[in-house]
Amino acid sequence: MKHPTLSVKKNSYVYDDTASKQGPQAYPASTRIPVREHRTTRPRKSRRGLTFLPLLVLALGLVVVFRFIPRSPADRTTLAGWQVVLRATVVDGSLIVGVTFIAGQKTLVSPQATSEASVQVTLPDTGNRLTLSGLLEKSPMTLRGEVPYTPRMKHVEATVSLLDMHATLRALVP
């Protein structure tokens, strides 16, 4: 059976009890086997450039997604200084389609400076069409129309014309 050996600090004595017949013997600490010391001040490689690499890749990925991939028409846009929002709501068996015009900060809306807006609403699932038009005298101004609702209706498309500018909006039917 092998007896355990204890390691001791400098200037101390190690006692080895392997020869029990002769009694314990004292050995100076300088004769013991040196213990490997841990280095806490190891020079490390600089990884400063690698810390920002994931953030840079993420930012470039977001730019590519939002800039270069074509998007389908949305339910809102800006047209001639007006923000245009398309909404579709089902109420009591009928589909109410509303197009709201909100004046932008740069557009001054006054009764003398009215402009006419026209909206061509198409329901691609059923083939129904609806035409809305009106004068934009105040902000916000909403043009509304109503058609009978069928469960096949899933999308509403609206082509908005305002001051010789056109935009296509698309919304889901809830």
C-alpha atoms as a PDB file:
ATOM      1  CA  MET A   1       0.000   0.000   0.000  1.00  0.00           C
ATOM      2  CA  LYS A   2       1.337   3.379  -1.019  1.00  0.00           C
ATOM      3  CA  HIS A   3       1.192   6.128   1.542  1.00  0.00           C
ATOM      4  CA  PRO A   4       0.087   9.623   0.511  1.00  0.00           C
ATOM      5  CA  THR A   5       2.721  12.296   0.086  1.00  0.00           C
ATOM      6  CA  LEU A   6       1.956  15.854   1.101  1.00  0.00           C
ATOM      7  CA  SER A   7       3.477  18.844  -0.645  1.00  0.00           C
ATOM      8  CA  VAL A   8       4.522  21.645   1.616  1.00  0.00           C
ATOM      9  CA  LYS A   9       5.495  25.296   1.146  1.00  0.00           C
ATOM     10  CA  LYS A  10       9.079  26.622   1.155  1.00  0.00           C
ATOM     11  CA  ASN A  11      11.183  26.570   4.301  1.00  0.00           C
ATOM     12  CA  SER A  12       9.176  23.728   5.778  1.00  0.00           C
ATOM     13  CA  TYR A  13       9.941  20.086   6.218  1.00  0.00           C
ATOM     14  CA  VAL A  14       8.364  17.078   4.564  1.00  0.00           C
ATOM     15  CA  TYR A  15       8.039  13.971   6.661  1.00  0.00           C
ATOM     16  CA  ASP A  16       8.001  10.637   4.886  1.00  0.00           C
ATOM     17  CA  ASP A  17       6.756   7.703   6.893  1.00  0.00           C
ATOM     18  CA  THR A  18       7.566   5.008   4.349  1.00  0.00           C
ATOM     19  CA  ALA A  19      10.235   3.416   6.466  1.00  0.00           C
ATOM     20  CA  SER A  20       8.232   2.851   9.629  1.00  0.00           C
ATOM     21  CA  LYS A  21      10.870   0.581  11.127  1.00  0.00           C
ATOM     22  CA  GLN A  22      13.429   3.331  11.224  1.00  0.00           C
ATOM     23  CA  GLY A  23      10.953   6.000  12.363  1.00  0.00           C
ATOM     24  CA  PRO A  24      10.054   9.240  10.692  1.00  0.00           C
ATOM     25  CA  GLN A  25      12.788  11.055   8.827  1.00  0.00           C
ATOM     26  CA  ALA A  26      12.884  14.754   8.074  1.00  0.00           C
ATOM     27  CA  TYR A  27      13.885  16.000   4.623  1.00  0.00           C
ATOM     28  CA  PRO A  28      14.476  19.634   3.791  1.00  0.00           C
ATOM     29  CA  ALA A  29      11.937  21.242   1.461  1.00  0.00           C
ATOM     30  CA  SER A  30      14.574  21.759  -1.206  1.00  0.00           C
ATOM     31  CA  THR A  31      14.671  18.013  -1.937  1.00  0.00           C
ATOM     32  CA  ARG A  32      11.019  17.720  -2.815  1.00  0.00           C
ATOM     33  CA  ILE A  33       9.780  17.658  -6.380  1.00  0.00           C
ATOM     34  CA  PRO A  34       8.716  21.148  -7.544  1.00  0.00           C
ATOM     35  CA  VAL A  35       5.013  21.628  -8.066  1.00  0.00           C
ATOM     36  CA  ARG A  36       3.915  23.228 -11.332  1.00  0.00           C
ATOM     37  CA  GLU A  37       2.907  26.821 -10.727  1.00  0.00           C
ATOM     38  CA  HIS A  38      -0.136  28.374 -12.401  1.00  0.00           C
ATOM     39  CA  ARG A  39       0.525  31.347 -14.611  1.00  0.00           C
ATOM     40  CA  THR A  40      -2.132  33.973 -14.197  1.00  0.00           C
ATOM     41  CA  THR A  41      -0.425  36.604 -16.320  1.00  0.00           C
ATOM     42  CA  ARG A  42      -0.356  34.672 -19.565  1.00  0.00           C
ATOM     43  CA  PRO A  43      -0.360  36.977 -22.574  1.00  0.00           C
ATOM     44  CA  ARG A  44      -3.596  36.584 -24.519  1.00  0.00           C
ATOM     45  CA  LYS A  45      -4.198  37.203 -28.185  1.00  0.00           C
ATOM     46  CA  SER A  46      -6.153  40.319 -28.957  1.00  0.00           C
ATOM     47  CA  ARG A  47      -9.675  39.581 -30.218  1.00  0.00           C
ATOM     48  CA  ARG A  48     -10.824  43.173 -30.396  1.00  0.00           C
ATOM     49  CA  GLY A  49     -11.624  42.961 -34.115  1.00  0.00           C
ATOM     50  CA  LEU A  50     -13.659  39.779 -33.726  1.00  0.00           C
ATOM     51  CA  THR A  51     -16.062  41.277 -31.181  1.00  0.00           C
ATOM     52  CA  PHE A  52     -17.683  43.561 -33.712  1.00  0.00           C
ATOM     53  CA  LEU A  53     -17.727  41.011 -36.530  1.00  0.00           C
ATOM     54  CA  PRO A  54     -21.127  39.423 -35.592  1.00  0.00           C
ATOM     55  CA  LEU A  55     -22.701  42.878 -35.263  1.00  0.00           C
ATOM     56  CA  LEU A  56     -21.336  43.918 -38.638  1.00  0.00           C
ATOM     57  CA  VAL A  57     -22.669  40.766 -40.306  1.00  0.00           C
ATOM     58  CA  LEU A  58     -26.094  41.294 -38.692  1.00  0.00           C
ATOM     59  CA  ALA A  59     -26.254  44.927 -39.833  1.00  0.00           C
ATOM     60  CA  LEU A  60     -25.319  44.021 -43.407  1.00  0.00           C
ATOM     61  CA  GLY A  61     -27.927  41.253 -43.411  1.00  0.00           C
ATOM     62  CA  LEU A  62     -30.650  43.670 -42.294  1.00  0.00           C
ATOM     63  CA  VAL A  63     -29.666  46.166 -44.989  1.00  0.00           C
ATOM     64  CA  VAL A  64     -29.921  43.471 -47.657  1.00  0.00           C
ATOM     65  CA  VAL A  65     -33.301  42.257 -46.386  1.00  0.00           C
ATOM     66  CA  PHE A  66     -34.916  45.677 -46.138  1.00  0.00           C
ATOM     67  CA  ARG A  67     -33.298  47.353 -49.155  1.00  0.00           C
ATOM     68  CA  PHE A  68     -32.859  44.892 -51.965  1.00  0.00           C
ATOM     69  CA  ILE A  69     -35.594  42.275 -51.548  1.00  0.00           C
ATOM     70  CA  PRO A  70     -38.759  43.368 -53.365  1.00  0.00           C
ATOM     71  CA  ARG A  71     -41.784  43.791 -51.151  1.00  0.00           C
ATOM     72  CA  SER A  72     -45.434  43.326 -51.952  1.00  0.00           C
ATOM     73  CA  PRO A  73     -47.705  46.369 -51.703  1.00  0.00           C
ATOM     74  CA  ALA A  74     -48.451  47.374 -48.109  1.00  0.00           C
ATOM     75  CA  ASP A  75     -51.595  48.699 -46.448  1.00  0.00           C
ATOM     76  CA  ARG A  76     -50.099  52.213 -46.090  1.00  0.00           C
ATOM     77  CA  THR A  77     -48.007  54.620 -48.148  1.00  0.00           C
ATOM     78  CA  THR A  78     -47.224  58.302 -48.593  1.00  0.00           C
ATOM     79  CA  LEU A  79     -48.597  60.034 -51.665  1.00  0.00           C
ATOM     80  CA  ALA A  80     -48.235  63.761 -52.510  1.00  0.00           C
ATOM     81  CA  GLY A  81     -47.561  64.661 -48.877  1.00  0.00           C
ATOM     82  CA  TRP A  82     -50.534  62.645 -47.587  1.00  0.00           C
ATOM     83  CA  GLN A  83     -50.263  59.406 -45.627  1.00  0.00           C
ATOM     84  CA  VAL A  84     -52.738  56.920 -47.118  1.00  0.00           C
ATOM     85  CA  VAL A  85     -54.000  53.958 -45.054  1.00  0.00           C
ATOM     86  CA  LEU A  86     -56.211  51.105 -46.326  1.00  0.00           C
ATOM     87  CA  ARG A  87     -58.453  49.216 -43.892  1.00  0.00           C
ATOM     88  CA  ALA A  88     -60.979  46.428 -44.382  1.00  0.00           C
ATOM     89  CA  THR A  89     -63.513  45.381 -41.717  1.00  0.00           C
ATOM     90  CA  VAL A  90     -66.323  42.809 -41.723  1.00  0.00           C
ATOM     91  CA  VAL A  91     -69.524  44.085 -40.053  1.00  0.00           C
ATOM     92  CA  ASP A  92     -72.931  42.316 -40.134  1.00  0.00           C
ATOM     93  CA  GLY A  93     -72.366  40.373 -43.358  1.00  0.00           C
ATOM     94  CA  SER A  94     -70.823  43.250 -45.276  1.00  0.00           C
ATOM     95  CA  LEU A  95     -67.225  44.252 -45.958  1.00  0.00           C
ATOM     96  CA  ILE A  96     -66.461  47.905 -45.218  1.00  0.00           C
ATOM     97  CA  VAL A  97     -63.414  49.242 -47.037  1.00  0.00           C
ATOM     98  CA  GLY A  98     -61.964  52.540 -45.866  1.00  0.00           C
ATOM     99  CA  VAL A  99     -59.088  54.612 -47.223  1.00  0.00           C
ATOM    100  CA  THR A 100     -57.903  57.287 -44.791  1.00  0.00           C
ATOM    101  CA  PHE A 101     -55.871  60.329 -45.894  1.00  0.00           C
ATOM    102  CA  ILE A 102     -53.797  62.062 -43.210  1.00  0.00           C
ATOM    103  CA  ALA A 103     -51.952  65.289 -44.023  1.00  0.00           C
ATOM    104  CA  GLY A 104     -48.193  65.194 -43.562  1.00  0.00           C
ATOM    105  CA  GLN A 105     -46.300  67.778 -41.555  1.00  0.00           C
ATOM    106  CA  LYS A 106     -45.099  69.575 -44.681  1.00  0.00           C
ATOM    107  CA  THR A 107     -48.560  69.770 -46.253  1.00  0.00           C
ATOM    108  CA  LEU A 108     -50.717  72.705 -45.220  1.00  0.00           C
ATOM    109  CA  VAL A 109     -54.357  71.754 -45.646  1.00  0.00           C
ATOM    110  CA  SER A 110     -56.734  74.657 -46.105  1.00  0.00           C
ATOM    111  CA  PRO A 111     -60.216  74.889 -47.681  1.00  0.00           C
ATOM    112  CA  GLN A 112     -58.774  76.763 -50.672  1.00  0.00           C
ATOM    113  CA  ALA A 113     -56.152  74.079 -51.399  1.00  0.00           C
ATOM    114  CA  THR A 114     -58.429  71.045 -51.730  1.00  0.00           C
ATOM    115  CA  SER A 115     -57.483  68.206 -54.005  1.00  0.00           C
ATOM    116  CA  GLU A 116     -59.567  65.331 -55.290  1.00  0.00           C
ATOM    117  CA  ALA A 117     -58.634  61.748 -54.504  1.00  0.00           C
ATOM    118  CA  SER A 118     -60.017  58.683 -56.248  1.00  0.00           C
ATOM    119  CA  VAL A 119     -59.720  55.068 -55.159  1.00  0.00           C
ATOM    120  CA  GLN A 120     -60.394  51.959 -57.256  1.00  0.00           C
ATOM    121  CA  VAL A 121     -60.992  49.034 -54.850  1.00  0.00           C
ATOM    122  CA  THR A 122     -60.706  45.489 -56.216  1.00  0.00           C
ATOM    123  CA  LEU A 123     -61.484  42.217 -54.450  1.00  0.00           C
ATOM    124  CA  PRO A 124     -59.292  39.713 -56.335  1.00  0.00           C
ATOM    125  CA  ASP A 125     -60.923  36.641 -54.755  1.00  0.00           C
ATOM    126  CA  THR A 126     -64.447  37.471 -55.969  1.00  0.00           C
ATOM    127  CA  GLY A 127     -63.811  39.951 -58.791  1.00  0.00           C
ATOM    128  CA  ASN A 128     -65.925  42.719 -57.205  1.00  0.00           C
ATOM    129  CA  ARG A 129     -64.932  46.339 -57.857  1.00  0.00           C
ATOM    130  CA  LEU A 130     -65.765  49.532 -56.041  1.00  0.00           C
ATOM    131  CA  THR A 131     -64.929  53.158 -56.909  1.00  0.00           C
ATOM    132  CA  LEU A 132     -64.548  55.829 -54.227  1.00  0.00           C
ATOM    133  CA  SER A 133     -63.771  59.511 -54.724  1.00  0.00           C
ATOM    134  CA  GLY A 134     -63.928  62.713 -52.767  1.00  0.00           C
ATOM    135  CA  LEU A 135     -62.328  66.070 -51.973  1.00  0.00           C
ATOM    136  CA  LEU A 136     -59.613  66.172 -49.341  1.00  0.00           C
ATOM    137  CA  GLU A 137     -60.746  69.213 -47.373  1.00  0.00           C
ATOM    138  CA  LYS A 138     -59.494  68.296 -43.912  1.00  0.00           C
ATOM    139  CA  SER A 139     -57.141  65.892 -42.213  1.00  0.00           C
ATOM    140  CA  PRO A 140     -57.902  63.072 -41.532  1.00  0.00           C
ATOM    141  CA  MET A 141     -60.366  62.338 -44.306  1.00  0.00           C
ATOM    142  CA  THR A 142     -61.773  58.836 -44.925  1.00  0.00           C
ATOM    143  CA  LEU A 143     -63.404  57.510 -48.085  1.00  0.00           C
ATOM    144  CA  ARG A 144     -65.604  54.471 -47.327  1.00  0.00           C
ATOM    145  CA  GLY A 145     -67.367  51.851 -49.388  1.00  0.00           C
ATOM    146  CA  GLU A 146     -69.352  48.706 -48.658  1.00  0.00           C
ATOM    147  CA  VAL A 147     -69.783  45.383 -50.488  1.00  0.00           C
ATOM    148  CA  PRO A 148     -71.530  42.147 -49.450  1.00  0.00           C
ATOM    149  CA  TYR A 149     -69.130  39.836 -47.605  1.00  0.00           C
ATOM    150  CA  THR A 150     -68.441  36.244 -48.603  1.00  0.00           C
ATOM    151  CA  PRO A 151     -66.012  33.923 -46.774  1.00  0.00           C
ATOM    152  CA  ARG A 152     -63.905  33.627 -49.973  1.00  0.00           C
ATOM    153  CA  MET A 153     -62.713  37.224 -49.590  1.00  0.00           C
ATOM    154  CA  LYS A 154     -59.139  37.182 -48.304  1.00  0.00           C
ATOM    155  CA  HIS A 155     -57.474  40.286 -49.839  1.00  0.00           C
ATOM    156  CA  VAL A 156     -58.442  43.843 -50.748  1.00  0.00           C
ATOM    157  CA  GLU A 157     -56.459  45.874 -53.295  1.00  0.00           C
ATOM    158  CA  ALA A 158     -56.845  49.609 -53.762  1.00  0.00           C
ATOM    159  CA  THR A 159     -55.327  51.838 -56.427  1.00  0.00           C
ATOM    160  CA  VAL A 160     -55.165  55.394 -55.087  1.00  0.00           C
ATOM    161  CA  SER A 161     -54.861  58.420 -57.417  1.00  0.00           C
ATOM    162  CA  LEU A 162     -54.018  61.847 -56.013  1.00  0.00           C
ATOM    163  CA  LEU A 163     -52.617  64.827 -57.975  1.00  0.00           C
ATOM    164  CA  ASP A 164     -51.427  62.713 -60.937  1.00  0.00           C
ATOM    165  CA  MET A 165     -49.707  60.247 -58.588  1.00  0.00           C
ATOM    166  CA  HIS A 166     -50.736  56.622 -58.189  1.00  0.00           C
ATOM    167  CA  ALA A 167     -50.105  53.946 -55.547  1.00  0.00           C
ATOM    168  CA  THR A 168     -51.356  50.410 -54.994  1.00  0.00           C
ATOM    169  CA  LEU A 169     -52.265  49.255 -51.490  1.00  0.00           C
ATOM    170  CA  ARG A 170     -53.137  45.753 -50.324  1.00  0.00           C
ATOM    171  CA  ALA A 171     -54.728  44.585 -47.061  1.00  0.00           C
ATOM    172  CA  LEU A 172     -55.952  41.309 -45.593  1.00  0.00           C
ATOM    173  CA  VAL A 173     -59.633  40.801 -44.767  1.00  0.00           C
ATOM    174  CA  PRO A 174     -59.940  39.817 -41.076  1.00  0.00           C
END
